[in-house]
Amino acid sequence: MIRLLVFFVTMMLFTATNVFAQNSDAVVGEWYTAEGTSIMEIYKCDDLYCGKIVWLKKPKNEEGKDKVDTKNPDETKRNRKLMGLEILWGFKYKGENQWEGGKIYDPKNGKTYSCKIKLEGNELKVRGFVGFSLFGRTTIWTKKT
């Protein structure tokens, strides 16, 4: 009887761990931004999650050159190409389709914000904020199929 109980407890723990691992990777993939002007790829970086720009509707500036990170407050980084630029980093899965503890960089204004992400169906709610999440803005990205 005890052996049977140990077996069932072990199986339940294995199943719960497996489901948790699968849900944590649900954010991985390509996402259209709300404006539809870019695609972000979210991927695993060590035991956290990060994201970079993999497509731009207009990848070139008026002069026909690749767009670069002109608004970056660090002048040494203003020549970085936007294509391939990592703008999300440090996200940890917290359960219930939520990732927290990360940062998001906005190349449009050169600012970095605290960020949390919530997955609902094929939509990713990306909330950037300063200090408390109450003081922020949410944008919705759509899963690329």
N, C-alpha and C. Protein backbone atom coordinates (compact mmCIF):
# COMPACT_ATOMS: atom_id res chain seq x y z
N MET A 1 0.82 -1.20 0.00
CA MET A 1 0.00 0.00 0.00
C MET A 1 0.87 1.26 0.00
N ILE A 2 1.91 1.26 0.82
CA ILE A 2 2.81 2.43 0.88
C ILE A 2 3.51 2.61 -0.45
N ARG A 3 3.91 1.50 -1.08
CA ARG A 3 4.57 1.59 -2.39
C ARG A 3 3.64 2.24 -3.42
N LEU A 4 2.39 1.87 -3.37
CA LEU A 4 1.42 2.44 -4.30
C LEU A 4 1.26 3.94 -4.05
N LEU A 5 1.20 4.34 -2.80
CA LEU A 5 1.08 5.75 -2.45
C LEU A 5 2.30 6.53 -2.92
N VAL A 6 3.49 5.99 -2.69
CA VAL A 6 4.73 6.64 -3.13
C VAL A 6 4.74 6.77 -4.65
N PHE A 7 4.30 5.75 -5.34
CA PHE A 7 4.24 5.79 -6.80
C PHE A 7 3.33 6.92 -7.29
N PHE A 8 2.13 7.03 -6.72
CA PHE A 8 1.19 8.07 -7.14
C PHE A 8 1.71 9.47 -6.82
N VAL A 9 2.31 9.65 -5.67
CA VAL A 9 2.86 10.96 -5.31
C VAL A 9 3.99 11.33 -6.28
N THR A 10 4.85 10.37 -6.59
CA THR A 10 5.95 10.62 -7.52
C THR A 10 5.41 10.99 -8.90
N MET A 11 4.41 10.29 -9.36
CA MET A 11 3.83 10.59 -10.67
C MET A 11 3.18 11.98 -10.69
N MET A 12 2.52 12.35 -9.61
CA MET A 12 1.89 13.67 -9.55
C MET A 12 2.95 14.77 -9.58
N LEU A 13 4.03 14.59 -8.86
CA LEU A 13 5.11 15.58 -8.86
C LEU A 13 5.75 15.70 -10.24
N PHE A 14 5.97 14.58 -10.89
CA PHE A 14 6.56 14.58 -12.23
C PHE A 14 5.65 15.29 -13.22
N THR A 15 4.38 15.00 -13.15
CA THR A 15 3.41 15.62 -14.05
C THR A 15 3.33 17.13 -13.81
N ALA A 16 3.28 17.55 -12.56
CA ALA A 16 3.21 18.98 -12.24
C ALA A 16 4.45 19.70 -12.72
N THR A 17 5.62 19.12 -12.54
CA THR A 17 6.87 19.73 -12.99
C THR A 17 6.89 19.85 -14.50
N ASN A 18 6.44 18.83 -15.19
CA ASN A 18 6.42 18.83 -16.65
C ASN A 18 5.48 19.91 -17.18
N VAL A 19 4.31 20.05 -16.60
CA VAL A 19 3.35 21.06 -17.03
C VAL A 19 3.92 22.45 -16.78
N PHE A 20 4.56 22.66 -15.64
CA PHE A 20 5.16 23.95 -15.31
C PHE A 20 6.22 24.33 -16.34
N ALA A 21 7.07 23.39 -16.71
CA ALA A 21 8.13 23.66 -17.69
C ALA A 21 7.54 24.02 -19.05
N GLN A 22 6.48 23.33 -19.45
CA GLN A 22 5.86 23.61 -20.73
C GLN A 22 5.25 25.01 -20.75
N ASN A 23 4.55 25.39 -19.70
CA ASN A 23 3.92 26.70 -19.65
C ASN A 23 4.95 27.82 -19.65
N SER A 24 6.08 27.60 -19.02
CA SER A 24 7.08 28.66 -18.94
C SER A 24 7.62 29.02 -20.32
N ASP A 25 7.65 28.08 -21.24
CA ASP A 25 8.15 28.34 -22.59
C ASP A 25 7.06 28.80 -23.56
N ALA A 26 5.84 28.97 -23.08
CA ALA A 26 4.73 29.37 -23.96
C ALA A 26 4.96 30.74 -24.60
N VAL A 27 5.79 31.55 -24.00
CA VAL A 27 6.07 32.90 -24.51
C VAL A 27 7.08 32.88 -25.66
N VAL A 28 7.80 31.78 -25.80
CA VAL A 28 8.85 31.68 -26.82
C VAL A 28 8.23 31.69 -28.22
N GLY A 29 8.81 32.49 -29.10
CA GLY A 29 8.33 32.57 -30.48
C GLY A 29 8.39 33.99 -31.00
N GLU A 30 7.72 34.21 -32.12
CA GLU A 30 7.71 35.52 -32.76
C GLU A 30 6.37 36.21 -32.54
N TRP A 31 6.44 37.52 -32.30
CA TRP A 31 5.27 38.31 -31.94
C TRP A 31 5.23 39.61 -32.75
N TYR A 32 4.05 39.90 -33.33
CA TYR A 32 3.84 41.18 -34.00
C TYR A 32 3.59 42.24 -32.92
N THR A 33 4.25 43.38 -33.03
CA THR A 33 3.97 44.47 -32.10
C THR A 33 2.60 45.06 -32.41
N ALA A 34 2.08 45.85 -31.48
CA ALA A 34 0.73 46.41 -31.62
C ALA A 34 0.58 47.23 -32.90
N GLU A 35 1.62 47.97 -33.26
CA GLU A 35 1.54 48.82 -34.45
C GLU A 35 1.71 48.03 -35.74
N GLY A 36 2.20 46.80 -35.63
CA GLY A 36 2.44 45.99 -36.82
C GLY A 36 3.68 46.41 -37.59
N THR A 37 4.53 47.22 -36.98
CA THR A 37 5.71 47.73 -37.67
C THR A 37 6.96 46.91 -37.39
N SER A 38 6.85 45.94 -36.50
CA SER A 38 8.01 45.10 -36.19
C SER A 38 7.56 43.76 -35.63
N ILE A 39 8.50 42.82 -35.68
CA ILE A 39 8.29 41.50 -35.08
C ILE A 39 9.39 41.28 -34.06
N MET A 40 8.99 40.83 -32.87
CA MET A 40 9.92 40.51 -31.80
C MET A 40 10.02 39.00 -31.66
N GLU A 41 11.22 38.52 -31.44
CA GLU A 41 11.41 37.11 -31.14
C GLU A 41 11.76 36.99 -29.66
N ILE A 42 10.95 36.22 -28.95
CA ILE A 42 11.24 35.96 -27.54
C ILE A 42 11.85 34.57 -27.45
N TYR A 43 12.91 34.46 -26.69
CA TYR A 43 13.67 33.22 -26.60
C TYR A 43 14.20 33.05 -25.19
N LYS A 44 14.62 31.84 -24.91
CA LYS A 44 15.19 31.54 -23.60
C LYS A 44 16.65 31.97 -23.61
N CYS A 45 17.07 32.69 -22.57
CA CYS A 45 18.47 33.08 -22.40
C CYS A 45 18.87 32.61 -21.00
N ASP A 46 19.62 31.52 -20.98
CA ASP A 46 19.93 30.81 -19.73
C ASP A 46 18.60 30.37 -19.11
N ASP A 47 18.33 30.73 -17.86
CA ASP A 47 17.07 30.30 -17.24
C ASP A 47 16.04 31.43 -17.23
N LEU A 48 16.29 32.47 -18.02
CA LEU A 48 15.38 33.61 -18.13
C LEU A 48 14.89 33.72 -19.58
N TYR A 49 14.13 34.77 -19.86
CA TYR A 49 13.60 35.00 -21.20
C TYR A 49 14.00 36.39 -21.67
N CYS A 50 14.35 36.48 -22.95
CA CYS A 50 14.79 37.73 -23.58
C CYS A 50 14.08 37.88 -24.92
N GLY A 51 14.23 39.04 -25.53
CA GLY A 51 13.61 39.25 -26.83
C GLY A 51 14.36 40.27 -27.65
N LYS A 52 14.31 40.08 -28.97
CA LYS A 52 15.00 40.99 -29.88
C LYS A 52 14.14 41.28 -31.10
N ILE A 53 14.48 42.36 -31.78
CA ILE A 53 13.79 42.75 -33.01
C ILE A 53 14.32 41.86 -34.15
N VAL A 54 13.40 41.17 -34.85
CA VAL A 54 13.82 40.32 -35.96
C VAL A 54 13.26 40.78 -37.31
N TRP A 55 12.34 41.73 -37.30
CA TRP A 55 11.79 42.25 -38.55
C TRP A 55 11.29 43.66 -38.32
N LEU A 56 11.55 44.52 -39.28
CA LEU A 56 11.04 45.90 -39.26
C LEU A 56 10.33 46.18 -40.58
N LYS A 57 9.18 46.80 -40.51
CA LYS A 57 8.45 47.15 -41.73
C LYS A 57 9.29 48.11 -42.58
N LYS A 58 9.97 49.02 -41.91
CA LYS A 58 10.86 49.98 -42.59
C LYS A 58 12.25 49.87 -41.95
N PRO A 59 13.07 48.93 -42.42
CA PRO A 59 14.38 48.72 -41.79
C PRO A 59 15.43 49.77 -42.16
N LYS A 60 15.14 50.57 -43.18
CA LYS A 60 16.11 51.58 -43.65
C LYS A 60 15.62 52.99 -43.31
N ASN A 61 16.57 53.88 -43.10
CA ASN A 61 16.22 55.28 -42.87
C ASN A 61 16.05 56.01 -44.21
N GLU A 62 15.85 57.31 -44.16
CA GLU A 62 15.61 58.10 -45.38
C GLU A 62 16.79 58.05 -46.34
N GLU A 63 17.98 57.79 -45.81
CA GLU A 63 19.20 57.74 -46.63
C GLU A 63 19.47 56.34 -47.19
N GLY A 64 18.56 55.39 -46.88
CA GLY A 64 18.73 54.03 -47.37
C GLY A 64 19.66 53.17 -46.53
N LYS A 65 20.03 53.66 -45.35
CA LYS A 65 20.92 52.90 -44.46
C LYS A 65 20.09 52.21 -43.38
N ASP A 66 20.65 51.13 -42.83
CA ASP A 66 19.97 50.43 -41.75
C ASP A 66 19.68 51.39 -40.59
N LYS A 67 18.47 51.29 -40.04
CA LYS A 67 18.12 52.11 -38.88
C LYS A 67 18.98 51.69 -37.69
N VAL A 68 19.40 52.70 -36.93
CA VAL A 68 20.24 52.45 -35.75
C VAL A 68 19.60 53.07 -34.51
N ASP A 69 20.17 52.77 -33.38
CA ASP A 69 19.65 53.14 -32.06
C ASP A 69 20.02 54.60 -31.71
N THR A 70 19.51 55.54 -32.49
CA THR A 70 19.91 56.95 -32.37
C THR A 70 19.50 57.62 -31.06
N LYS A 71 18.49 57.11 -30.39
CA LYS A 71 17.98 57.74 -29.16
C LYS A 71 18.64 57.20 -27.89
N ASN A 72 19.55 56.26 -28.03
CA ASN A 72 20.18 55.66 -26.85
C ASN A 72 20.91 56.73 -26.04
N PRO A 73 20.69 56.77 -24.71
CA PRO A 73 21.38 57.76 -23.89
C PRO A 73 22.90 57.55 -23.84
N ASP A 74 23.34 56.33 -24.13
CA ASP A 74 24.77 56.03 -24.18
C ASP A 74 25.25 56.27 -25.61
N GLU A 75 26.00 57.34 -25.81
CA GLU A 75 26.43 57.71 -27.16
C GLU A 75 27.20 56.61 -27.87
N THR A 76 27.89 55.75 -27.12
CA THR A 76 28.67 54.67 -27.73
C THR A 76 27.79 53.59 -28.34
N LYS A 77 26.49 53.60 -28.00
CA LYS A 77 25.57 52.58 -28.50
C LYS A 77 24.66 53.10 -29.61
N ARG A 78 24.82 54.31 -30.03
CA ARG A 78 23.91 54.91 -31.01
C ARG A 78 24.10 54.39 -32.43
N ASN A 79 25.14 53.63 -32.66
CA ASN A 79 25.35 53.04 -33.99
C ASN A 79 24.88 51.59 -34.08
N ARG A 80 24.29 51.08 -32.99
CA ARG A 80 23.78 49.70 -33.02
C ARG A 80 22.58 49.62 -33.95
N LYS A 81 22.57 48.61 -34.81
CA LYS A 81 21.43 48.41 -35.71
C LYS A 81 20.21 48.00 -34.89
N LEU A 82 19.04 48.50 -35.30
CA LEU A 82 17.80 48.10 -34.63
C LEU A 82 17.48 46.64 -34.92
N MET A 83 17.76 46.21 -36.14
CA MET A 83 17.51 44.81 -36.50
C MET A 83 18.44 43.94 -35.66
N GLY A 84 17.85 43.04 -34.88
CA GLY A 84 18.64 42.16 -34.03
C GLY A 84 18.89 42.72 -32.63
N LEU A 85 18.43 43.94 -32.37
CA LEU A 85 18.66 44.58 -31.08
C LEU A 85 17.82 43.90 -29.99
N GLU A 86 18.49 43.50 -28.91
CA GLU A 86 17.78 42.91 -27.77
C GLU A 86 17.11 44.03 -26.99
N ILE A 87 15.78 43.98 -26.90
CA ILE A 87 15.05 45.02 -26.18
C ILE A 87 14.32 44.49 -24.95
N LEU A 88 14.28 43.17 -24.80
CA LEU A 88 13.68 42.54 -23.62
C LEU A 88 14.73 41.66 -22.97
N TRP A 89 14.82 41.70 -21.64
CA TRP A 89 15.76 40.80 -20.96
C TRP A 89 15.37 40.62 -19.50
N GLY A 90 15.80 39.49 -18.95
CA GLY A 90 15.66 39.25 -17.52
C GLY A 90 14.31 38.77 -17.03
N PHE A 91 13.48 38.22 -17.90
CA PHE A 91 12.15 37.79 -17.48
C PHE A 91 12.19 36.39 -16.89
N LYS A 92 11.48 36.23 -15.78
CA LYS A 92 11.39 34.93 -15.11
C LYS A 92 9.92 34.53 -15.04
N TYR A 93 9.68 33.25 -15.33
CA TYR A 93 8.31 32.75 -15.29
C TYR A 93 7.82 32.69 -13.85
N LYS A 94 6.65 33.28 -13.59
CA LYS A 94 6.09 33.32 -12.24
C LYS A 94 4.86 32.44 -12.07
N GLY A 95 4.48 31.73 -13.13
CA GLY A 95 3.28 30.90 -13.08
C GLY A 95 2.10 31.63 -13.67
N GLU A 96 1.05 30.89 -13.96
CA GLU A 96 -0.20 31.43 -14.50
C GLU A 96 0.03 32.32 -15.73
N ASN A 97 0.93 31.85 -16.63
CA ASN A 97 1.22 32.55 -17.89
C ASN A 97 1.70 33.98 -17.70
N GLN A 98 2.53 34.20 -16.65
CA GLN A 98 3.07 35.52 -16.38
C GLN A 98 4.58 35.45 -16.20
N TRP A 99 5.27 36.44 -16.78
CA TRP A 99 6.73 36.56 -16.68
C TRP A 99 7.01 37.94 -16.10
N GLU A 100 7.88 38.00 -15.09
CA GLU A 100 8.14 39.27 -14.41
C GLU A 100 9.63 39.46 -14.17
N GLY A 101 9.97 40.62 -13.64
CA GLY A 101 11.35 40.91 -13.26
C GLY A 101 12.23 41.35 -14.41
N GLY A 102 11.64 41.58 -15.57
CA GLY A 102 12.43 41.94 -16.74
C GLY A 102 12.46 43.43 -17.01
N LYS A 103 13.16 43.76 -18.07
CA LYS A 103 13.28 45.14 -18.53
C LYS A 103 12.92 45.19 -20.01
N ILE A 104 12.43 46.35 -20.44
CA ILE A 104 12.16 46.58 -21.85
C ILE A 104 12.79 47.92 -22.24
N TYR A 105 13.48 47.90 -23.35
CA TYR A 105 14.11 49.11 -23.88
C TYR A 105 13.28 49.60 -25.06
N ASP A 106 12.95 50.87 -25.06
CA ASP A 106 12.18 51.47 -26.15
C ASP A 106 13.12 52.30 -27.02
N PRO A 107 13.49 51.79 -28.20
CA PRO A 107 14.41 52.53 -29.06
C PRO A 107 13.82 53.82 -29.62
N LYS A 108 12.50 53.99 -29.52
CA LYS A 108 11.88 55.23 -30.02
C LYS A 108 12.24 56.43 -29.14
N ASN A 109 12.46 56.16 -27.83
CA ASN A 109 12.80 57.28 -26.94
C ASN A 109 14.10 57.04 -26.15
N GLY A 110 14.70 55.87 -26.30
CA GLY A 110 15.96 55.58 -25.63
C GLY A 110 15.83 55.26 -24.15
N LYS A 111 14.63 54.96 -23.70
CA LYS A 111 14.41 54.71 -22.27
C LYS A 111 14.21 53.22 -22.00
N THR A 112 14.62 52.82 -20.81
CA THR A 112 14.46 51.45 -20.34
C THR A 112 13.47 51.45 -19.19
N TYR A 113 12.55 50.50 -19.22
CA TYR A 113 11.50 50.41 -18.21
C TYR A 113 11.50 49.02 -17.58
N SER A 114 11.00 48.94 -16.35
CA SER A 114 10.68 47.64 -15.77
C SER A 114 9.52 47.09 -16.60
N CYS A 115 9.39 45.77 -16.62
CA CYS A 115 8.37 45.20 -17.50
C CYS A 115 7.87 43.87 -16.96
N LYS A 116 6.62 43.59 -17.25
CA LYS A 116 6.06 42.26 -16.99
C LYS A 116 5.22 41.88 -18.19
N ILE A 117 5.07 40.58 -18.38
CA ILE A 117 4.39 40.05 -19.55
C ILE A 117 3.34 39.05 -19.10
N LYS A 118 2.19 39.10 -19.75
CA LYS A 118 1.13 38.12 -19.46
C LYS A 118 0.61 37.58 -20.78
N LEU A 119 0.53 36.27 -20.88
CA LEU A 119 0.03 35.59 -22.08
C LEU A 119 -1.43 35.25 -21.89
N GLU A 120 -2.25 35.68 -22.86
CA GLU A 120 -3.68 35.34 -22.88
C GLU A 120 -4.03 34.89 -24.28
N GLY A 121 -4.14 33.59 -24.47
CA GLY A 121 -4.42 33.04 -25.79
C GLY A 121 -3.26 33.30 -26.72
N ASN A 122 -3.53 33.99 -27.84
CA ASN A 122 -2.45 34.31 -28.78
C ASN A 122 -2.01 35.77 -28.64
N GLU A 123 -2.37 36.38 -27.52
CA GLU A 123 -1.98 37.76 -27.25
C GLU A 123 -1.03 37.84 -26.06
N LEU A 124 -0.05 38.72 -26.20
CA LEU A 124 0.93 38.94 -25.15
C LEU A 124 0.75 40.37 -24.66
N LYS A 125 0.39 40.52 -23.40
CA LYS A 125 0.23 41.85 -22.81
C LYS A 125 1.57 42.24 -22.21
N VAL A 126 2.19 43.23 -22.81
CA VAL A 126 3.52 43.69 -22.40
C VAL A 126 3.33 45.02 -21.68
N ARG A 127 3.65 45.04 -20.38
CA ARG A 127 3.46 46.25 -19.57
C ARG A 127 4.80 46.82 -19.13
N GLY A 128 5.11 47.99 -19.64
CA GLY A 128 6.31 48.72 -19.23
C GLY A 128 5.93 49.74 -18.18
N PHE A 129 6.78 49.90 -17.16
CA PHE A 129 6.44 50.83 -16.09
C PHE A 129 7.70 51.35 -15.39
N VAL A 130 7.50 52.43 -14.65
CA VAL A 130 8.56 53.00 -13.82
C VAL A 130 8.13 52.85 -12.37
N GLY A 131 8.94 52.18 -11.58
CA GLY A 131 8.60 51.99 -10.17
C GLY A 131 7.55 50.92 -9.98
N PHE A 132 6.30 51.33 -9.91
CA PHE A 132 5.19 50.40 -9.70
C PHE A 132 4.47 50.16 -11.02
N SER A 133 3.93 48.96 -11.19
CA SER A 133 3.26 48.64 -12.45
C SER A 133 2.00 49.47 -12.65
N LEU A 134 1.53 50.10 -11.59
CA LEU A 134 0.38 51.00 -11.69
C LEU A 134 0.71 52.19 -12.60
N PHE A 135 1.97 52.61 -12.59
CA PHE A 135 2.41 53.75 -13.39
C PHE A 135 3.10 53.25 -14.65
N GLY A 136 2.30 52.86 -15.63
CA GLY A 136 2.89 52.32 -16.85
C GLY A 136 1.90 52.26 -17.99
N ARG A 137 2.31 51.52 -19.01
CA ARG A 137 1.48 51.39 -20.21
C ARG A 137 1.56 49.95 -20.69
N THR A 138 0.43 49.43 -21.13
CA THR A 138 0.37 48.07 -21.66
C THR A 138 0.14 48.13 -23.17
N THR A 139 0.90 47.32 -23.87
CA THR A 139 0.71 47.16 -25.31
C THR A 139 0.46 45.68 -25.57
N ILE A 140 -0.27 45.37 -26.61
CA ILE A 140 -0.60 43.97 -26.90
C ILE A 140 0.09 43.53 -28.17
N TRP A 141 0.86 42.46 -28.04
CA TRP A 141 1.52 41.83 -29.18
C TRP A 141 0.74 40.58 -29.54
N THR A 142 0.75 40.23 -30.83
CA THR A 142 0.01 39.07 -31.33
C THR A 142 0.97 38.02 -31.84
N LYS A 143 0.70 36.78 -31.49
CA LYS A 143 1.55 35.65 -31.89
C LYS A 143 1.58 35.53 -33.41
N LYS A 144 2.78 35.39 -33.95
CA LYS A 144 2.93 35.17 -35.39
C LYS A 144 2.68 33.69 -35.66
N THR A 145 1.80 33.42 -36.62
CA THR A 145 1.49 32.02 -36.93
C THR A 145 2.09 31.60 -38.25
